[in-house]
């Protein structure tokens, strides 16, 4: 049974009965009614004793599952910090070793971050471009994206070395380097509305970007006082991409900012793999639809745990 409320002046949505959504979610009808009573299903309409549920409503997470999930995240944070502490007790790397690891990381980071945004340079081609080689039959734009990302990461490293706090100015400079092929747009907040293709979320209107960015920086500073840095960084990344402050280059800039904050707090930089992009996109969609940051937190924590493990393998 479908209920269309368009004729009543309400946003046109399709609704189904409790029994139908129960079958869809693999729950009992009684359990679905309880979820309706507890206001845990978004968009439910009640008509007498009848609950009508939007066909695209998201199944609420089971409280017990959420509890286990939070416990698993806490354990992951503990593992990360144990590895970080262990690294501090191991002999320091030589300058040559540091440069070699940094160079390998920068090539892989640049390739993966740009590939997520549609750049077609392969890992090997990215390495060649960063060495100054021109790749035939590849657009100049893609060469500049690789060079710009490298320069932006080097700028981030400088901010970390000088202990410069995250600011709107730093964000705009990082974006300017990322978008070096677009001189008219780099380092400037967007002045037109935008849509993220295929995404549930619609970014705010241009006049809201500047105040939202200021609020985000204040909120992030407060979060860092009470949260594990990985969690605070994940929330910042979700919020930054939701604001979508620039006309282009938001993804690459956002991931650079993520690493700026991690490195400022003594953690190594990480990168999201191109092959993991679907899960990465799902984390944004989950956050915008269900206000859940858990998947993004888990993704960043898992990459950090893996990165620290790699360092320990090299040094031990």
C-alpha atoms as a PDB file:
ATOM      1  CA  UNK A   1       0.000   0.000   0.000  1.00  0.00           C
ATOM      2  CA  UNK A   2       1.366   3.428  -0.953  1.00  0.00           C
ATOM      3  CA  UNK A   3       0.219   6.753   0.427  1.00  0.00           C
ATOM      4  CA  UNK A   4       0.973   9.867  -1.630  1.00  0.00           C
ATOM      5  CA  UNK A   5       0.564  13.125   0.285  1.00  0.00           C
ATOM      6  CA  UNK A   6       1.392  15.445  -2.607  1.00  0.00           C
ATOM      7  CA  UNK A   7      -2.241  16.451  -2.983  1.00  0.00           C
ATOM      8  CA  UNK A   8      -2.257  17.643   0.658  1.00  0.00           C
ATOM      9  CA  UNK A   9       0.528  20.138   0.074  1.00  0.00           C
ATOM     10  CA  UNK A  10       3.102  17.990   1.834  1.00  0.00           C
ATOM     11  CA  UNK A  11       6.433  17.090   0.232  1.00  0.00           C
ATOM     12  CA  UNK A  12       5.751  14.271  -2.223  1.00  0.00           C
ATOM     13  CA  UNK A  13       6.932  11.096  -0.546  1.00  0.00           C
ATOM     14  CA  UNK A  14       5.768   7.503  -0.775  1.00  0.00           C
ATOM     15  CA  UNK A  15       4.817   5.695   2.425  1.00  0.00           C
ATOM     16  CA  UNK A  16       4.277   2.048   3.285  1.00  0.00           C
ATOM     17  CA  UNK A  17       2.704   0.189   6.188  1.00  0.00           C
ATOM     18  CA  UNK A  18       4.460  -1.246   9.226  1.00  0.00           C
ATOM     19  CA  UNK A  19       4.020  -4.813   7.979  1.00  0.00           C
ATOM     20  CA  UNK A  20       5.688  -3.980   4.667  1.00  0.00           C
ATOM     21  CA  UNK A  21       8.695  -2.211   6.191  1.00  0.00           C
ATOM     22  CA  UNK A  22       9.017  -5.031   8.750  1.00  0.00           C
ATOM     23  CA  UNK A  23       9.359  -7.532   5.916  1.00  0.00           C
ATOM     24  CA  UNK A  24      11.832  -5.283   4.115  1.00  0.00           C
ATOM     25  CA  UNK A  25      14.046  -4.878   7.208  1.00  0.00           C
ATOM     26  CA  UNK A  26      13.698  -8.452   8.467  1.00  0.00           C
ATOM     27  CA  UNK A  27      12.042  -7.342  11.734  1.00  0.00           C
ATOM     28  CA  UNK A  28       8.756  -8.176  13.410  1.00  0.00           C
ATOM     29  CA  UNK A  29       5.889  -5.732  12.939  1.00  0.00           C
ATOM     30  CA  UNK A  30       5.829  -5.302  16.725  1.00  0.00           C
ATOM     31  CA  UNK A  31       9.483  -4.240  16.724  1.00  0.00           C
ATOM     32  CA  UNK A  32       8.835  -1.693  13.971  1.00  0.00           C
ATOM     33  CA  UNK A  33       5.928  -0.201  15.954  1.00  0.00           C
ATOM     34  CA  UNK A  34       8.217   0.153  18.977  1.00  0.00           C
ATOM     35  CA  UNK A  35      10.749   1.990  16.819  1.00  0.00           C
ATOM     36  CA  UNK A  36       7.954   4.298  15.637  1.00  0.00           C
ATOM     37  CA  UNK A  37       6.844   5.009  19.208  1.00  0.00           C
ATOM     38  CA  UNK A  38      10.468   5.761  20.185  1.00  0.00           C
ATOM     39  CA  UNK A  39      10.774   8.203  17.244  1.00  0.00           C
ATOM     40  CA  UNK A  40      13.735   6.248  15.871  1.00  0.00           C
ATOM     41  CA  UNK A  41      12.477   6.200  12.285  1.00  0.00           C
ATOM     42  CA  UNK A  42      12.701   9.505  10.471  1.00  0.00           C
ATOM     43  CA  UNK A  43       9.639  10.847   8.651  1.00  0.00           C
ATOM     44  CA  UNK A  44       6.976   8.557  10.174  1.00  0.00           C
ATOM     45  CA  UNK A  45       3.374   9.771   9.996  1.00  0.00           C
ATOM     46  CA  UNK A  46       0.762   8.590  12.486  1.00  0.00           C
ATOM     47  CA  UNK A  47      -2.934   8.443  11.650  1.00  0.00           C
ATOM     48  CA  UNK A  48      -4.770   7.117  14.690  1.00  0.00           C
ATOM     49  CA  UNK A  49      -3.190   3.743  15.459  1.00  0.00           C
ATOM     50  CA  UNK A  50      -1.689   3.475  11.989  1.00  0.00           C
ATOM     51  CA  UNK A  51       1.958   4.317  11.302  1.00  0.00           C
ATOM     52  CA  UNK A  52       3.005   5.184   7.729  1.00  0.00           C
ATOM     53  CA  UNK A  53       6.728   4.979   7.028  1.00  0.00           C
ATOM     54  CA  UNK A  54       8.650   6.576   4.104  1.00  0.00           C
ATOM     55  CA  UNK A  55       9.702   3.919   1.601  1.00  0.00           C
ATOM     56  CA  UNK A  56      13.303   5.206   1.719  1.00  0.00           C
ATOM     57  CA  UNK A  57      13.489   5.305   5.526  1.00  0.00           C
ATOM     58  CA  UNK A  58      16.744   3.952   6.985  1.00  0.00           C
ATOM     59  CA  UNK A  59      16.642   0.991   9.329  1.00  0.00           C
ATOM     60  CA  UNK A  60      17.706   2.178  12.815  1.00  0.00           C
ATOM     61  CA  UNK A  61      20.768   0.519  14.257  1.00  0.00           C
ATOM     62  CA  UNK A  62      20.204  -1.987  17.024  1.00  0.00           C
ATOM     63  CA  UNK A  63      21.230  -0.507  20.359  1.00  0.00           C
ATOM     64  CA  UNK A  64      23.221  -3.595  21.286  1.00  0.00           C
ATOM     65  CA  UNK A  65      25.048  -3.502  17.949  1.00  0.00           C
ATOM     66  CA  UNK A  66      25.813   0.182  18.454  1.00  0.00           C
ATOM     67  CA  UNK A  67      27.235  -0.581  21.873  1.00  0.00           C
ATOM     68  CA  UNK A  68      29.515  -3.265  20.476  1.00  0.00           C
ATOM     69  CA  UNK A  69      30.527  -0.988  17.640  1.00  0.00           C
ATOM     70  CA  UNK A  70      31.509   1.824  20.000  1.00  0.00           C
ATOM     71  CA  UNK A  71      33.472  -0.633  22.111  1.00  0.00           C
ATOM     72  CA  UNK A  72      35.304  -1.811  18.984  1.00  0.00           C
ATOM     73  CA  UNK A  73      36.166   1.767  18.055  1.00  0.00           C
ATOM     74  CA  UNK A  74      37.481   2.407  21.549  1.00  0.00           C
ATOM     75  CA  UNK A  75      39.674  -0.674  21.252  1.00  0.00           C
ATOM     76  CA  UNK A  76      40.910   0.547  17.874  1.00  0.00           C
ATOM     77  CA  UNK A  77      41.849   3.925  19.387  1.00  0.00           C
ATOM     78  CA  UNK A  78      43.731   2.105  22.148  1.00  0.00           C
ATOM     79  CA  UNK A  79      45.632   0.002  19.606  1.00  0.00           C
ATOM     80  CA  UNK A  80      46.562   3.144  17.686  1.00  0.00           C
ATOM     81  CA  UNK A  81      47.917   4.885  20.766  1.00  0.00           C
ATOM     82  CA  UNK A  82      49.818   1.794  21.931  1.00  0.00           C
ATOM     83  CA  UNK A  83      51.545   1.614  18.542  1.00  0.00           C
ATOM     84  CA  UNK A  84      52.277   5.348  18.572  1.00  0.00           C
ATOM     85  CA  UNK A  85      53.828   5.077  22.045  1.00  0.00           C
ATOM     86  CA  UNK A  86      55.872   2.073  20.963  1.00  0.00           C
ATOM     87  CA  UNK A  87      57.225   4.019  17.996  1.00  0.00           C
ATOM     88  CA  UNK A  88      58.492   6.729  20.338  1.00  0.00           C
ATOM     89  CA  UNK A  89      60.678   4.183  22.157  1.00  0.00           C
ATOM     90  CA  UNK A  90      62.331   2.801  19.005  1.00  0.00           C
ATOM     91  CA  UNK A  91      65.535   4.162  17.526  1.00  0.00           C
ATOM     92  CA  UNK A  92      64.948   7.218  15.319  1.00  0.00           C
ATOM     93  CA  UNK A  93      65.168   6.875  11.565  1.00  0.00           C
ATOM     94  CA  UNK A  94      68.160   8.259   9.710  1.00  0.00           C
ATOM     95  CA  UNK A  95      67.571  11.264   7.468  1.00  0.00           C
ATOM     96  CA  UNK A  96      67.952   9.030   4.427  1.00  0.00           C
ATOM     97  CA  UNK A  97      65.361   6.563   5.721  1.00  0.00           C
ATOM     98  CA  UNK A  98      62.940   9.390   6.491  1.00  0.00           C
ATOM     99  CA  UNK A  99      63.281  10.843   2.990  1.00  0.00           C
ATOM    100  CA  UNK A 100      62.792   7.461   1.328  1.00  0.00           C
ATOM    101  CA  UNK A 101      59.609   6.681   3.293  1.00  0.00           C
ATOM    102  CA  UNK A 102      58.312  10.215   2.776  1.00  0.00           C
ATOM    103  CA  UNK A 103      58.873  10.070  -0.981  1.00  0.00           C
ATOM    104  CA  UNK A 104      57.081   6.743  -1.323  1.00  0.00           C
ATOM    105  CA  UNK A 105      54.185   7.973   0.793  1.00  0.00           C
ATOM    106  CA  UNK A 106      53.843  11.246  -1.115  1.00  0.00           C
ATOM    107  CA  UNK A 107      53.638   9.475  -4.483  1.00  0.00           C
ATOM    108  CA  UNK A 108      51.001   7.014  -3.255  1.00  0.00           C
ATOM    109  CA  UNK A 109      49.067   9.737  -1.434  1.00  0.00           C
ATOM    110  CA  UNK A 110      49.032  12.044  -4.465  1.00  0.00           C
ATOM    111  CA  UNK A 111      47.993   9.244  -6.809  1.00  0.00           C
ATOM    112  CA  UNK A 112      45.162   7.964  -4.595  1.00  0.00           C
ATOM    113  CA  UNK A 113      43.744  11.355  -3.593  1.00  0.00           C
ATOM    114  CA  UNK A 114      43.701  12.592  -7.188  1.00  0.00           C
ATOM    115  CA  UNK A 115      42.355   9.291  -8.532  1.00  0.00           C
ATOM    116  CA  UNK A 116      39.387   9.521  -6.158  1.00  0.00           C
ATOM    117  CA  UNK A 117      38.525  12.815  -7.885  1.00  0.00           C
ATOM    118  CA  UNK A 118      38.823  11.377 -11.417  1.00  0.00           C
ATOM    119  CA  UNK A 119      42.492  11.938 -12.314  1.00  0.00           C
ATOM    120  CA  UNK A 120      43.572   9.157 -14.716  1.00  0.00           C
ATOM    121  CA  UNK A 121      47.348   9.189 -14.059  1.00  0.00           C
ATOM    122  CA  UNK A 122      48.530   5.789 -12.871  1.00  0.00           C
ATOM    123  CA  UNK A 123      50.720   5.394  -9.798  1.00  0.00           C
ATOM    124  CA  UNK A 124      53.806   5.089 -12.003  1.00  0.00           C
ATOM    125  CA  UNK A 125      52.777   8.073 -14.129  1.00  0.00           C
ATOM    126  CA  UNK A 126      52.196  10.131 -10.984  1.00  0.00           C
ATOM    127  CA  UNK A 127      55.725   9.314  -9.814  1.00  0.00           C
ATOM    128  CA  UNK A 128      57.114  10.359 -13.198  1.00  0.00           C
ATOM    129  CA  UNK A 129      55.178  13.638 -13.226  1.00  0.00           C
ATOM    130  CA  UNK A 130      56.480  14.485  -9.759  1.00  0.00           C
ATOM    131  CA  UNK A 131      59.983  13.914 -11.127  1.00  0.00           C
ATOM    132  CA  UNK A 132      59.311  16.422 -13.914  1.00  0.00           C
ATOM    133  CA  UNK A 133      58.444  14.005 -16.744  1.00  0.00           C
ATOM    134  CA  UNK A 134      55.578  14.833 -19.127  1.00  0.00           C
ATOM    135  CA  UNK A 135      53.227  11.946 -19.888  1.00  0.00           C
ATOM    136  CA  UNK A 136      52.103  11.867 -23.510  1.00  0.00           C
ATOM    137  CA  UNK A 137      48.359  11.799 -24.196  1.00  0.00           C
ATOM    138  CA  UNK A 138      47.543  12.861 -20.623  1.00  0.00           C
ATOM    139  CA  UNK A 139      45.990  16.336 -20.123  1.00  0.00           C
ATOM    140  CA  UNK A 140      48.052  19.194 -18.707  1.00  0.00           C
ATOM    141  CA  UNK A 141      45.326  19.546 -16.069  1.00  0.00           C
ATOM    142  CA  UNK A 142      46.172  16.117 -14.639  1.00  0.00           C
ATOM    143  CA  UNK A 143      49.889  16.947 -14.529  1.00  0.00           C
ATOM    144  CA  UNK A 144      49.117  20.161 -12.640  1.00  0.00           C
ATOM    145  CA  UNK A 145      46.836  18.303 -10.213  1.00  0.00           C
ATOM    146  CA  UNK A 146      49.697  15.993  -9.265  1.00  0.00           C
ATOM    147  CA  UNK A 147      52.179  18.850  -8.859  1.00  0.00           C
ATOM    148  CA  UNK A 148      49.652  20.969  -6.977  1.00  0.00           C
ATOM    149  CA  UNK A 149      48.855  18.185  -4.540  1.00  0.00           C
ATOM    150  CA  UNK A 150      52.550  17.595  -3.862  1.00  0.00           C
ATOM    151  CA  UNK A 151      53.145  21.312  -3.265  1.00  0.00           C
ATOM    152  CA  UNK A 152      50.104  21.484  -0.973  1.00  0.00           C
ATOM    153  CA  UNK A 153      51.358  18.571   1.120  1.00  0.00           C
ATOM    154  CA  UNK A 154      54.779  20.194   1.389  1.00  0.00           C
ATOM    155  CA  UNK A 155      53.048  23.345   2.628  1.00  0.00           C
ATOM    156  CA  UNK A 156      51.165  21.241   5.192  1.00  0.00           C
ATOM    157  CA  UNK A 157      54.475  19.777   6.358  1.00  0.00           C
ATOM    158  CA  UNK A 158      55.779  23.304   6.827  1.00  0.00           C
ATOM    159  CA  UNK A 159      52.755  24.261   8.921  1.00  0.00           C
ATOM    160  CA  UNK A 160      53.340  21.210  11.124  1.00  0.00           C
ATOM    161  CA  UNK A 161      57.043  21.975  11.510  1.00  0.00           C
ATOM    162  CA  UNK A 162      56.279  25.582  12.499  1.00  0.00           C
ATOM    163  CA  UNK A 163      53.358  24.504  14.726  1.00  0.00           C
ATOM    164  CA  UNK A 164      50.920  26.765  12.873  1.00  0.00           C
ATOM    165  CA  UNK A 165      47.308  26.264  13.956  1.00  0.00           C
ATOM    166  CA  UNK A 166      44.552  25.436  11.486  1.00  0.00           C
ATOM    167  CA  UNK A 167      42.883  28.609  10.192  1.00  0.00           C
ATOM    168  CA  UNK A 168      40.807  29.897   7.295  1.00  0.00           C
ATOM    169  CA  UNK A 169      43.962  31.460   5.853  1.00  0.00           C
ATOM    170  CA  UNK A 170      45.823  28.125   5.908  1.00  0.00           C
ATOM    171  CA  UNK A 171      42.820  26.369   4.355  1.00  0.00           C
ATOM    172  CA  UNK A 172      42.703  28.889   1.499  1.00  0.00           C
ATOM    173  CA  UNK A 173      46.442  28.608   0.849  1.00  0.00           C
ATOM    174  CA  UNK A 174      46.233  24.807   0.738  1.00  0.00           C
ATOM    175  CA  UNK A 175      43.329  25.078  -1.683  1.00  0.00           C
ATOM    176  CA  UNK A 176      45.267  27.563  -3.830  1.00  0.00           C
ATOM    177  CA  UNK A 177      48.038  25.016  -4.246  1.00  0.00           C
ATOM    178  CA  UNK A 178      45.622  22.156  -4.935  1.00  0.00           C
ATOM    179  CA  UNK A 179      43.798  24.171  -7.603  1.00  0.00           C
ATOM    180  CA  UNK A 180      46.878  25.673  -9.232  1.00  0.00           C
ATOM    181  CA  UNK A 181      45.346  25.032 -12.670  1.00  0.00           C
ATOM    182  CA  UNK A 182      42.351  27.285 -11.870  1.00  0.00           C
ATOM    183  CA  UNK A 183      43.754  30.740 -10.983  1.00  0.00           C
ATOM    184  CA  UNK A 184      40.311  32.370 -10.941  1.00  0.00           C
ATOM    185  CA  UNK A 185      38.904  29.900  -8.383  1.00  0.00           C
ATOM    186  CA  UNK A 186      41.827  28.972  -6.141  1.00  0.00           C
ATOM    187  CA  UNK A 187      41.727  30.049  -2.522  1.00  0.00           C
ATOM    188  CA  UNK A 188      38.295  31.682  -2.882  1.00  0.00           C
ATOM    189  CA  UNK A 189      35.068  30.505  -1.278  1.00  0.00           C
ATOM    190  CA  UNK A 190      32.472  29.647  -3.894  1.00  0.00           C
ATOM    191  CA  UNK A 191      30.004  32.316  -4.972  1.00  0.00           C
ATOM    192  CA  UNK A 192      27.392  30.048  -6.547  1.00  0.00           C
ATOM    193  CA  UNK A 193      25.220  27.160  -5.279  1.00  0.00           C
ATOM    194  CA  UNK A 194      26.572  23.677  -5.985  1.00  0.00           C
ATOM    195  CA  UNK A 195      25.323  20.111  -5.931  1.00  0.00           C
ATOM    196  CA  UNK A 196      27.359  16.989  -5.263  1.00  0.00           C
ATOM    197  CA  UNK A 197      26.412  14.565  -8.014  1.00  0.00           C
ATOM    198  CA  UNK A 198      24.925  11.339  -6.668  1.00  0.00           C
ATOM    199  CA  UNK A 199      24.983  12.541  -3.065  1.00  0.00           C
ATOM    200  CA  UNK A 200      22.025  12.798  -0.703  1.00  0.00           C
ATOM    201  CA  UNK A 201      23.339  16.023   0.815  1.00  0.00           C
ATOM    202  CA  UNK A 202      22.953  19.473  -0.746  1.00  0.00           C
ATOM    203  CA  UNK A 203      25.652  21.976   0.340  1.00  0.00           C
ATOM    204  CA  UNK A 204      24.563  25.295   1.878  1.00  0.00           C
ATOM    205  CA  UNK A 205      24.021  28.470  -0.092  1.00  0.00           C
ATOM    206  CA  UNK A 206      27.151  30.574  -0.842  1.00  0.00           C
ATOM    207  CA  UNK A 207      26.356  33.302   1.685  1.00  0.00           C
ATOM    208  CA  UNK A 208      26.448  30.677   4.445  1.00  0.00           C
ATOM    209  CA  UNK A 209      29.901  29.306   3.607  1.00  0.00           C
ATOM    210  CA  UNK A 210      32.029  31.841   5.469  1.00  0.00           C
ATOM    211  CA  UNK A 211      30.096  31.790   8.764  1.00  0.00           C
ATOM    212  CA  UNK A 212      29.836  27.999   8.622  1.00  0.00           C
ATOM    213  CA  UNK A 213      33.598  27.683   8.119  1.00  0.00           C
ATOM    214  CA  UNK A 214      34.245  29.918  11.112  1.00  0.00           C
ATOM    215  CA  UNK A 215      31.839  27.891  13.231  1.00  0.00           C
ATOM    216  CA  UNK A 216      33.487  24.663  12.049  1.00  0.00           C
ATOM    217  CA  UNK A 217      36.928  25.791  13.190  1.00  0.00           C
ATOM    218  CA  UNK A 218      35.550  26.745  16.621  1.00  0.00           C
ATOM    219  CA  UNK A 219      33.655  23.458  16.907  1.00  0.00           C
ATOM    220  CA  UNK A 220      36.745  21.494  15.895  1.00  0.00           C
ATOM    221  CA  UNK A 221      38.853  23.205  18.544  1.00  0.00           C
ATOM    222  CA  UNK A 222      36.297  22.202  21.195  1.00  0.00           C
ATOM    223  CA  UNK A 223      36.007  18.628  19.941  1.00  0.00           C
ATOM    224  CA  UNK A 224      39.755  18.118  20.223  1.00  0.00           C
ATOM    225  CA  UNK A 225      39.531  18.809  23.942  1.00  0.00           C
ATOM    226  CA  UNK A 226      37.184  15.894  24.617  1.00  0.00           C
ATOM    227  CA  UNK A 227      37.629  13.417  21.732  1.00  0.00           C
ATOM    228  CA  UNK A 228      40.352  11.188  20.395  1.00  0.00           C
ATOM    229  CA  UNK A 229      42.010  13.138  17.590  1.00  0.00           C
ATOM    230  CA  UNK A 230      40.989  10.516  15.006  1.00  0.00           C
ATOM    231  CA  UNK A 231      37.336  11.007  15.913  1.00  0.00           C
ATOM    232  CA  UNK A 232      37.620  14.799  15.903  1.00  0.00           C
ATOM    233  CA  UNK A 233      39.364  14.747  12.513  1.00  0.00           C
ATOM    234  CA  UNK A 234      36.722  12.455  11.020  1.00  0.00           C
ATOM    235  CA  UNK A 235      33.942  14.792  12.149  1.00  0.00           C
ATOM    236  CA  UNK A 236      35.822  17.805  10.796  1.00  0.00           C
ATOM    237  CA  UNK A 237      36.260  16.068   7.439  1.00  0.00           C
ATOM    238  CA  UNK A 238      32.572  15.214   7.198  1.00  0.00           C
ATOM    239  CA  UNK A 239      31.529  18.762   8.091  1.00  0.00           C
ATOM    240  CA  UNK A 240      34.066  20.400   5.781  1.00  0.00           C
ATOM    241  CA  UNK A 241      32.953  18.352   2.795  1.00  0.00           C
ATOM    242  CA  UNK A 242      29.329  19.040   3.714  1.00  0.00           C
ATOM    243  CA  UNK A 243      29.948  22.791   3.573  1.00  0.00           C
ATOM    244  CA  UNK A 244      31.795  22.274   0.274  1.00  0.00           C
ATOM    245  CA  UNK A 245      33.357  25.739   0.575  1.00  0.00           C
ATOM    246  CA  UNK A 246      35.117  25.834  -2.799  1.00  0.00           C
ATOM    247  CA  UNK A 247      33.876  25.480  -6.344  1.00  0.00           C
ATOM    248  CA  UNK A 248      36.281  22.571  -6.913  1.00  0.00           C
ATOM    249  CA  UNK A 249      39.085  20.757  -5.100  1.00  0.00           C
ATOM    250  CA  UNK A 250      37.161  20.222  -1.861  1.00  0.00           C
ATOM    251  CA  UNK A 251      37.971  16.507  -1.590  1.00  0.00           C
ATOM    252  CA  UNK A 252      41.725  16.877  -2.042  1.00  0.00           C
ATOM    253  CA  UNK A 253      41.820  19.933   0.222  1.00  0.00           C
ATOM    254  CA  UNK A 254      39.743  18.181   2.877  1.00  0.00           C
ATOM    255  CA  UNK A 255      42.049  15.166   2.957  1.00  0.00           C
ATOM    256  CA  UNK A 256      45.092  17.440   3.245  1.00  0.00           C
ATOM    257  CA  UNK A 257      43.445  19.238   6.176  1.00  0.00           C
ATOM    258  CA  UNK A 258      42.754  15.869   7.763  1.00  0.00           C
ATOM    259  CA  UNK A 259      46.472  15.089   7.614  1.00  0.00           C
ATOM    260  CA  UNK A 260      47.433  18.536   8.858  1.00  0.00           C
ATOM    261  CA  UNK A 261      45.466  17.925  12.036  1.00  0.00           C
ATOM    262  CA  UNK A 262      46.733  14.371  12.479  1.00  0.00           C
ATOM    263  CA  UNK A 263      50.351  15.430  12.030  1.00  0.00           C
ATOM    264  CA  UNK A 264      49.932  18.457  14.308  1.00  0.00           C
ATOM    265  CA  UNK A 265      48.936  16.010  17.029  1.00  0.00           C
ATOM    266  CA  UNK A 266      51.890  13.670  16.558  1.00  0.00           C
ATOM    267  CA  UNK A 267      50.302  11.074  14.244  1.00  0.00           C
ATOM    268  CA  UNK A 268      51.572  10.127  10.785  1.00  0.00           C
ATOM    269  CA  UNK A 269      49.776  11.191   7.626  1.00  0.00           C
ATOM    270  CA  UNK A 270      47.475   8.660   5.954  1.00  0.00           C
ATOM    271  CA  UNK A 271      45.696   8.354   2.629  1.00  0.00           C
ATOM    272  CA  UNK A 272      42.384   6.853   1.532  1.00  0.00           C
ATOM    273  CA  UNK A 273      42.979   4.291  -1.194  1.00  0.00           C
ATOM    274  CA  UNK A 274      41.317   4.795  -4.569  1.00  0.00           C
ATOM    275  CA  UNK A 275      40.124   1.180  -4.393  1.00  0.00           C
ATOM    276  CA  UNK A 276      38.304   2.042  -1.139  1.00  0.00           C
ATOM    277  CA  UNK A 277      36.478   5.036  -2.603  1.00  0.00           C
ATOM    278  CA  UNK A 278      33.022   3.389  -2.543  1.00  0.00           C
ATOM    279  CA  UNK A 279      33.227   2.810   1.202  1.00  0.00           C
ATOM    280  CA  UNK A 280      34.557   6.355   1.608  1.00  0.00           C
ATOM    281  CA  UNK A 281      31.599   7.806  -0.315  1.00  0.00           C
ATOM    282  CA  UNK A 282      29.218   5.631   1.702  1.00  0.00           C
ATOM    283  CA  UNK A 283      30.581   7.192   4.898  1.00  0.00           C
ATOM    284  CA  UNK A 284      29.490  10.639   3.698  1.00  0.00           C
ATOM    285  CA  UNK A 285      26.088   9.390   2.617  1.00  0.00           C
ATOM    286  CA  UNK A 286      25.540   7.627   5.944  1.00  0.00           C
ATOM    287  CA  UNK A 287      26.430  10.798   7.819  1.00  0.00           C
ATOM    288  CA  UNK A 288      24.154  13.035   5.763  1.00  0.00           C
ATOM    289  CA  UNK A 289      21.226  10.604   5.849  1.00  0.00           C
ATOM    290  CA  UNK A 290      21.468   9.227   9.385  1.00  0.00           C
ATOM    291  CA  UNK A 291      23.740  11.691  11.244  1.00  0.00           C
ATOM    292  CA  UNK A 292      26.167   8.833  11.880  1.00  0.00           C
ATOM    293  CA  UNK A 293      29.901   9.552  11.678  1.00  0.00           C
ATOM    294  CA  UNK A 294      30.893   6.042  12.724  1.00  0.00           C
ATOM    295  CA  UNK A 295      31.898   4.704   9.314  1.00  0.00           C
ATOM    296  CA  UNK A 296      34.165   7.681   8.569  1.00  0.00           C
ATOM    297  CA  UNK A 297      35.720   7.446  12.038  1.00  0.00           C
ATOM    298  CA  UNK A 298      36.326   3.743  11.493  1.00  0.00           C
ATOM    299  CA  UNK A 299      37.851   4.266   8.039  1.00  0.00           C
ATOM    300  CA  UNK A 300      40.342   6.862   9.297  1.00  0.00           C
ATOM    301  CA  UNK A 301      41.135   4.819  12.420  1.00  0.00           C
ATOM    302  CA  UNK A 302      41.762   1.680  10.368  1.00  0.00           C
ATOM    303  CA  UNK A 303      44.079   3.498   7.987  1.00  0.00           C
ATOM    304  CA  UNK A 304      45.943   5.037  10.917  1.00  0.00           C
ATOM    305  CA  UNK A 305      46.297   1.680  12.637  1.00  0.00           C
ATOM    306  CA  UNK A 306      47.605   0.167   9.400  1.00  0.00           C
ATOM    307  CA  UNK A 307      50.048   3.039   8.856  1.00  0.00           C
ATOM    308  CA  UNK A 308      51.506   2.761  12.343  1.00  0.00           C
ATOM    309  CA  UNK A 309      51.809  -1.001  11.905  1.00  0.00           C
ATOM    310  CA  UNK A 310      53.797  -0.452   8.714  1.00  0.00           C
ATOM    311  CA  UNK A 311      56.221   1.851  10.537  1.00  0.00           C
ATOM    312  CA  UNK A 312      56.691  -0.701  13.323  1.00  0.00           C
ATOM    313  CA  UNK A 313      57.364  -3.435  10.760  1.00  0.00           C
ATOM    314  CA  UNK A 314      60.079  -1.331   9.156  1.00  0.00           C
ATOM    315  CA  UNK A 315      61.740  -0.330  12.426  1.00  0.00           C
ATOM    316  CA  UNK A 316      61.501  -3.522  14.494  1.00  0.00           C
END
